[in-house]
PDB file of N, CA and C in Angstrom:
ATOM      1  N   MET A   1      -6.124  -4.459 -20.091  1.00  0.00           N
ATOM      2  CA  MET A   1      -7.182  -5.443 -19.964  1.00  0.00           C
ATOM      3  C   MET A   1      -7.737  -5.396 -18.544  1.00  0.00           C
ATOM      4  N   LEU A   2      -9.022  -5.361 -18.440  1.00  0.00           N
ATOM      5  CA  LEU A   2      -9.674  -5.336 -17.142  1.00  0.00           C
ATOM      6  C   LEU A   2      -9.657  -6.721 -16.516  1.00  0.00           C
ATOM      7  N   PRO A   3      -9.480  -6.811 -15.191  1.00  0.00           N
ATOM      8  CA  PRO A   3      -9.441  -8.132 -14.555  1.00  0.00           C
ATOM      9  C   PRO A   3     -10.754  -8.896 -14.680  1.00  0.00           C
ATOM     10  N   CYS A   4     -11.854  -8.182 -14.791  1.00  0.00           N
ATOM     11  CA  CYS A   4     -13.145  -8.872 -14.863  1.00  0.00           C
ATOM     12  C   CYS A   4     -13.501  -9.293 -16.288  1.00  0.00           C
ATOM     13  N   GLN A   5     -12.734  -8.843 -17.261  1.00  0.00           N
ATOM     14  CA  GLN A   5     -13.066  -9.094 -18.655  1.00  0.00           C
ATOM     15  C   GLN A   5     -13.152 -10.581 -18.982  1.00  0.00           C
ATOM     16  N   SER A   6     -12.265 -11.373 -18.430  1.00  0.00           N
ATOM     17  CA  SER A   6     -12.253 -12.799 -18.764  1.00  0.00           C
ATOM     18  C   SER A   6     -13.212 -13.618 -17.903  1.00  0.00           C
ATOM     19  N   SER A   7     -13.565 -13.119 -16.724  1.00  0.00           N
ATOM     20  CA  SER A   7     -14.387 -13.942 -15.827  1.00  0.00           C
ATOM     21  C   SER A   7     -15.849 -13.493 -15.736  1.00  0.00           C
ATOM     22  N   CYS A   8     -16.190 -12.330 -16.240  1.00  0.00           N
ATOM     23  CA  CYS A   8     -17.554 -11.822 -16.108  1.00  0.00           C
ATOM     24  C   CYS A   8     -18.411 -12.268 -17.294  1.00  0.00           C
ATOM     25  N   PRO A   9     -19.510 -12.977 -17.034  1.00  0.00           N
ATOM     26  CA  PRO A   9     -20.360 -13.435 -18.144  1.00  0.00           C
ATOM     27  C   PRO A   9     -21.137 -12.292 -18.803  1.00  0.00           C
ATOM     28  N   ALA A  10     -21.299 -11.181 -18.113  1.00  0.00           N
ATOM     29  CA  ALA A  10     -22.068 -10.058 -18.650  1.00  0.00           C
ATOM     30  C   ALA A  10     -21.159  -8.954 -19.185  1.00  0.00           C
ATOM     31  N   TYR A  11     -19.885  -9.272 -19.470  1.00  0.00           N
ATOM     32  CA  TYR A  11     -18.953  -8.235 -19.914  1.00  0.00           C
ATOM     33  C   TYR A  11     -19.294  -7.740 -21.312  1.00  0.00           C
ATOM     34  N   CYS A  12     -19.232  -6.440 -21.469  1.00  0.00           N
ATOM     35  CA  CYS A  12     -19.293  -5.806 -22.776  1.00  0.00           C
ATOM     36  C   CYS A  12     -18.421  -4.554 -22.688  1.00  0.00           C
ATOM     37  N   PRO A  13     -17.866  -4.086 -23.791  1.00  0.00           N
ATOM     38  CA  PRO A  13     -16.969  -2.930 -23.738  1.00  0.00           C
ATOM     39  C   PRO A  13     -17.629  -1.714 -23.079  1.00  0.00           C
ATOM     40  N   GLY A  14     -16.946  -1.154 -22.093  1.00  0.00           N
ATOM     41  CA  GLY A  14     -17.447   0.041 -21.413  1.00  0.00           C
ATOM     42  C   GLY A  14     -18.378  -0.224 -20.251  1.00  0.00           C
ATOM     43  N   CYS A  15     -18.715  -1.477 -19.974  1.00  0.00           N
ATOM     44  CA  CYS A  15     -19.676  -1.764 -18.900  1.00  0.00           C
ATOM     45  C   CYS A  15     -19.067  -1.590 -17.513  1.00  0.00           C
ATOM     46  N   HIS A  16     -17.725  -1.565 -17.417  1.00  0.00           N
ATOM     47  CA  HIS A  16     -17.086  -1.470 -16.103  1.00  0.00           C
ATOM     48  C   HIS A  16     -17.358  -0.130 -15.426  1.00  0.00           C
ATOM     49  N   LYS A  17     -17.798   0.853 -16.179  1.00  0.00           N
ATOM     50  CA  LYS A  17     -18.056   2.166 -15.590  1.00  0.00           C
ATOM     51  C   LYS A  17     -19.305   2.156 -14.704  1.00  0.00           C
ATOM     52  N   THR A  18     -20.228   1.251 -14.974  1.00  0.00           N
ATOM     53  CA  THR A  18     -21.459   1.178 -14.186  1.00  0.00           C
ATOM     54  C   THR A  18     -21.625  -0.152 -13.461  1.00  0.00           C
ATOM     55  N   CYS A  19     -20.688  -1.054 -13.622  1.00  0.00           N
ATOM     56  CA  CYS A  19     -20.793  -2.407 -13.061  1.00  0.00           C
ATOM     57  C   CYS A  19     -20.550  -2.393 -11.543  1.00  0.00           C
ATOM     58  N   ALA A  20     -21.468  -2.998 -10.795  1.00  0.00           N
ATOM     59  CA  ALA A  20     -21.354  -3.062  -9.334  1.00  0.00           C
ATOM     60  C   ALA A  20     -20.167  -3.942  -8.916  1.00  0.00           C
ATOM     61  N   CYS A  21     -19.937  -5.018  -9.638  1.00  0.00           N
ATOM     62  CA  CYS A  21     -18.802  -5.903  -9.315  1.00  0.00           C
ATOM     63  C   CYS A  21     -17.481  -5.160  -9.490  1.00  0.00           C
ATOM     64  N   TRP A  22     -17.373  -4.377 -10.554  1.00  0.00           N
ATOM     65  CA  TRP A  22     -16.153  -3.618 -10.802  1.00  0.00           C
ATOM     66  C   TRP A  22     -15.933  -2.570  -9.717  1.00  0.00           C
ATOM     67  N   LYS A  23     -17.000  -1.898  -9.321  1.00  0.00           N
ATOM     68  CA  LYS A  23     -16.885  -0.887  -8.267  1.00  0.00           C
ATOM     69  C   LYS A  23     -16.481  -1.527  -6.942  1.00  0.00           C
ATOM     70  N   ARG A  24     -17.023  -2.702  -6.651  1.00  0.00           N
ATOM     71  CA  ARG A  24     -16.664  -3.420  -5.433  1.00  0.00           C
ATOM     72  C   ARG A  24     -15.189  -3.841  -5.491  1.00  0.00           C
ATOM     73  N   PHE A  25     -14.755  -4.323  -6.666  1.00  0.00           N
ATOM     74  CA  PHE A  25     -13.356  -4.701  -6.850  1.00  0.00           C
ATOM     75  C   PHE A  25     -12.441  -3.495  -6.629  1.00  0.00           C
ATOM     76  N   GLN A  26     -12.812  -2.354  -7.191  1.00  0.00           N
ATOM     77  CA  GLN A  26     -12.021  -1.133  -7.028  1.00  0.00           C
ATOM     78  C   GLN A  26     -11.963  -0.720  -5.558  1.00  0.00           C
ATOM     79  N   GLN A  27     -13.085  -0.821  -4.851  1.00  0.00           N
ATOM     80  CA  GLN A  27     -13.125  -0.462  -3.431  1.00  0.00           C
ATOM     81  C   GLN A  27     -12.234  -1.387  -2.615  1.00  0.00           C
ATOM     82  N   GLU A  28     -12.265  -2.674  -2.908  1.00  0.00           N
ATOM     83  CA  GLU A  28     -11.404  -3.622  -2.203  1.00  0.00           C
ATOM     84  C   GLU A  28      -9.932  -3.313  -2.456  1.00  0.00           C
ATOM     85  N   GLN A  29      -9.601  -2.977  -3.691  1.00  0.00           N
ATOM     86  CA  GLN A  29      -8.221  -2.617  -4.018  1.00  0.00           C
ATOM     87  C   GLN A  29      -7.798  -1.356  -3.275  1.00  0.00           C
ATOM     88  N   ARG A  30      -8.678  -0.383  -3.202  1.00  0.00           N
ATOM     89  CA  ARG A  30      -8.394   0.869  -2.498  1.00  0.00           C
ATOM     90  C   ARG A  30      -8.134   0.608  -1.013  1.00  0.00           C
ATOM     91  N   GLU A  31      -8.985  -0.230  -0.401  1.00  0.00           N
ATOM     92  CA  GLU A  31      -8.822  -0.561   1.014  1.00  0.00           C
ATOM     93  C   GLU A  31      -7.523  -1.326   1.263  1.00  0.00           C
ATOM     94  N   GLU A  32      -7.189  -2.225   0.347  1.00  0.00           N
ATOM     95  CA  GLU A  32      -5.945  -2.992   0.488  1.00  0.00           C
ATOM     96  C   GLU A  32      -4.727  -2.070   0.386  1.00  0.00           C
ATOM     97  N   ARG A  33      -4.750  -1.134  -0.558  1.00  0.00           N
ATOM     98  CA  ARG A  33      -3.642  -0.186  -0.686  1.00  0.00           C
ATOM     99  C   ARG A  33      -3.508   0.683   0.563  1.00  0.00           C
ATOM    100  N   GLN A  34      -4.633   1.120   1.123  1.00  0.00           N
ATOM    101  CA  GLN A  34      -4.594   1.930   2.340  1.00  0.00           C
ATOM    102  C   GLN A  34      -4.018   1.134   3.506  1.00  0.00           C
ATOM    103  N   ALA A  35      -4.396  -0.137   3.622  1.00  0.00           N
ATOM    104  CA  ALA A  35      -3.876  -0.979   4.698  1.00  0.00           C
ATOM    105  C   ALA A  35      -2.363  -1.172   4.544  1.00  0.00           C
ATOM    106  N   LYS A  36      -1.890  -1.369   3.317  1.00  0.00           N
ATOM    107  CA  LYS A  36      -0.454  -1.525   3.079  1.00  0.00           C
ATOM    108  C   LYS A  36       0.291  -0.242   3.424  1.00  0.00           C
ATOM    109  N   LYS A  37      -0.266   0.899   3.041  1.00  0.00           N
ATOM    110  CA  LYS A  37       0.368   2.178   3.349  1.00  0.00           C
ATOM    111  C   LYS A  37       0.462   2.389   4.856  1.00  0.00           C
ATOM    112  N   GLN A  38      -0.602   2.053   5.558  1.00  0.00           N
ATOM    113  CA  GLN A  38      -0.615   2.210   7.011  1.00  0.00           C
ATOM    114  C   GLN A  38       0.430   1.286   7.652  1.00  0.00           C
ATOM    115  N   TYR A  39       0.518   0.064   7.195  1.00  0.00           N
ATOM    116  CA  TYR A  39       1.509  -0.889   7.689  1.00  0.00           C
ATOM    117  C   TYR A  39       2.922  -0.357   7.467  1.00  0.00           C
ATOM    118  N   LEU A  40       3.189   0.087   6.244  1.00  0.00           N
ATOM    119  CA  LEU A  40       4.525   0.589   5.931  1.00  0.00           C
ATOM    120  C   LEU A  40       4.858   1.849   6.721  1.00  0.00           C
ATOM    121  N   ARG A  41       3.887   2.725   6.885  1.00  0.00           N
ATOM    122  CA  ARG A  41       4.104   3.955   7.647  1.00  0.00           C
ATOM    123  C   ARG A  41       4.466   3.624   9.095  1.00  0.00           C
ATOM    124  N   PHE A  42       3.743   2.674   9.691  1.00  0.00           N
ATOM    125  CA  PHE A  42       3.996   2.281  11.073  1.00  0.00           C
ATOM    126  C   PHE A  42       5.407   1.719  11.233  1.00  0.00           C
ATOM    127  N   TYR A  43       5.776   0.750  10.366  1.00  0.00           N
ATOM    128  CA  TYR A  43       7.072   0.110  10.524  1.00  0.00           C
ATOM    129  C   TYR A  43       8.227   0.999  10.078  1.00  0.00           C
ATOM    130  N   MET A  44       7.980   1.914   9.163  1.00  0.00           N
ATOM    131  CA  MET A  44       9.029   2.861   8.778  1.00  0.00           C
ATOM    132  C   MET A  44       9.351   3.772   9.961  1.00  0.00           C
ATOM    133  N   THR A  45       8.343   4.222  10.664  1.00  0.00           N
ATOM    134  CA  THR A  45       8.546   5.057  11.848  1.00  0.00           C
ATOM    135  C   THR A  45       9.312   4.280  12.918  1.00  0.00           C
ATOM    136  N   LEU A  46       8.928   3.038  13.125  1.00  0.00           N
ATOM    137  CA  LEU A  46       9.585   2.200  14.121  1.00  0.00           C
ATOM    138  C   LEU A  46      11.056   1.972  13.762  1.00  0.00           C
ATOM    139  N   CYS A  47      11.331   1.660  12.508  1.00  0.00           N
ATOM    140  CA  CYS A  47      12.717   1.432  12.074  1.00  0.00           C
ATOM    141  C   CYS A  47      13.544   2.708  12.178  1.00  0.00           C
ATOM    142  N   ASP A  48      12.947   3.843  11.842  1.00  0.00           N
ATOM    143  CA  ASP A  48      13.660   5.113  11.971  1.00  0.00           C
ATOM    144  C   ASP A  48      14.042   5.369  13.422  1.00  0.00           C
ATOM    145  N   GLN A  49      13.136   5.065  14.324  1.00  0.00           N
ATOM    146  CA  GLN A  49      13.394   5.279  15.747  1.00  0.00           C
ATOM    147  C   GLN A  49      14.544   4.390  16.223  1.00  0.00           C
ATOM    148  N   VAL A  50      14.537   3.132  15.855  1.00  0.00           N
ATOM    149  CA  VAL A  50      15.595   2.202  16.255  1.00  0.00           C
ATOM    150  C   VAL A  50      16.932   2.645  15.652  1.00  0.00           C
ATOM    151  N   THR A  51      16.910   3.073  14.409  1.00  0.00           N
ATOM    152  CA  THR A  51      18.142   3.546  13.762  1.00  0.00           C
ATOM    153  C   THR A  51      18.709   4.747  14.501  1.00  0.00           C
ATOM    154  N   ARG A  52      17.864   5.682  14.879  1.00  0.00           N
ATOM    155  CA  ARG A  52      18.329   6.854  15.629  1.00  0.00           C
ATOM    156  C   ARG A  52      18.928   6.441  16.976  1.00  0.00           C
ATOM    157  N   GLN A  53      18.304   5.459  17.629  1.00  0.00           N
ATOM    158  CA  GLN A  53      18.815   5.003  18.915  1.00  0.00           C
ATOM    159  C   GLN A  53      20.188   4.356  18.756  1.00  0.00           C
ATOM    160  N   TYR A  54      20.372   3.528  17.746  1.00  0.00           N
ATOM    161  CA  TYR A  54      21.677   2.903  17.515  1.00  0.00           C
ATOM    162  C   TYR A  54      22.736   3.936  17.182  1.00  0.00           C
ATOM    163  N   ARG A  55      22.387   4.913  16.383  1.00  0.00           N
ATOM    164  CA  ARG A  55      23.362   5.956  16.043  1.00  0.00           C
ATOM    165  C   ARG A  55      23.739   6.782  17.268  1.00  0.00           C
ATOM    166  N   ALA A  56      22.800   6.986  18.160  1.00  0.00           N
ATOM    167  CA  ALA A  56      23.089   7.745  19.379  1.00  0.00           C
ATOM    168  C   ALA A  56      24.026   6.968  20.301  1.00  0.00           C
ATOM    169  N   MET A  57      24.021   5.641  20.222  1.00  0.00           N
ATOM    170  CA  MET A  57      24.879   4.819  21.080  1.00  0.00           C
ATOM    171  C   MET A  57      26.301   4.687  20.532  1.00  0.00           C
ATOM    172  N   GLN A  58      26.531   5.060  19.278  1.00  0.00           N
ATOM    173  CA  GLN A  58      27.857   4.915  18.692  1.00  0.00           C
ATOM    174  C   GLN A  58      28.867   5.828  19.385  1.00  0.00           C
ATOM    175  N   VAL A  59      30.099   5.332  19.449  1.00  0.00           N
ATOM    176  CA  VAL A  59      31.181   6.114  20.030  1.00  0.00           C
ATOM    177  C   VAL A  59      31.628   7.133  18.964  1.00  0.00           C
ATOM    178  N   ARG A  60      31.706   8.356  19.392  1.00  0.00           N
ATOM    179  CA  ARG A  60      32.132   9.396  18.457  1.00  0.00           C
ATOM    180  C   ARG A  60      33.561   9.805  18.791  1.00  0.00           C
ATOM    181  N   ARG A  61      34.326  10.082  17.772  1.00  0.00           N
ATOM    182  CA  ARG A  61      35.694  10.548  17.991  1.00  0.00           C
ATOM    183  C   ARG A  61      35.666  12.000  18.445  1.00  0.00           C
ATOM    184  N   PRO A  62      36.527  12.341  19.353  1.00  0.00           N
ATOM    185  CA  PRO A  62      36.550  13.754  19.768  1.00  0.00           C
ATOM    186  C   PRO A  62      37.049  14.648  18.643  1.00  0.00           C
ATOM    187  N   ALA A  63      36.476  15.803  18.524  1.00  0.00           N
ATOM    188  CA  ALA A  63      36.919  16.765  17.508  1.00  0.00           C
ATOM    189  C   ALA A  63      38.130  17.516  18.041  1.00  0.00           C
ATOM    190  N   TRP A  64      39.222  17.506  17.341  1.00  0.00           N
ATOM    191  CA  TRP A  64      40.461  18.134  17.810  1.00  0.00           C
ATOM    192  C   TRP A  64      40.572  19.472  17.236  1.00  0.00           C
TER     193      TRP A  64
END
């Protein structure tokens, strides 16, 4: 079911392919997904760096 199906007064089957509102909705969703990916990429890199630093500080047993 399309999200605009229940709220659009001009809805008819197949109209979402040419509908400006639908295209705008899709563009907003695309931008939101890109922003989330960028956020996650940034913080994943930061967490990886902190994890590496903590592991480097750990005391290692000497190899006998």
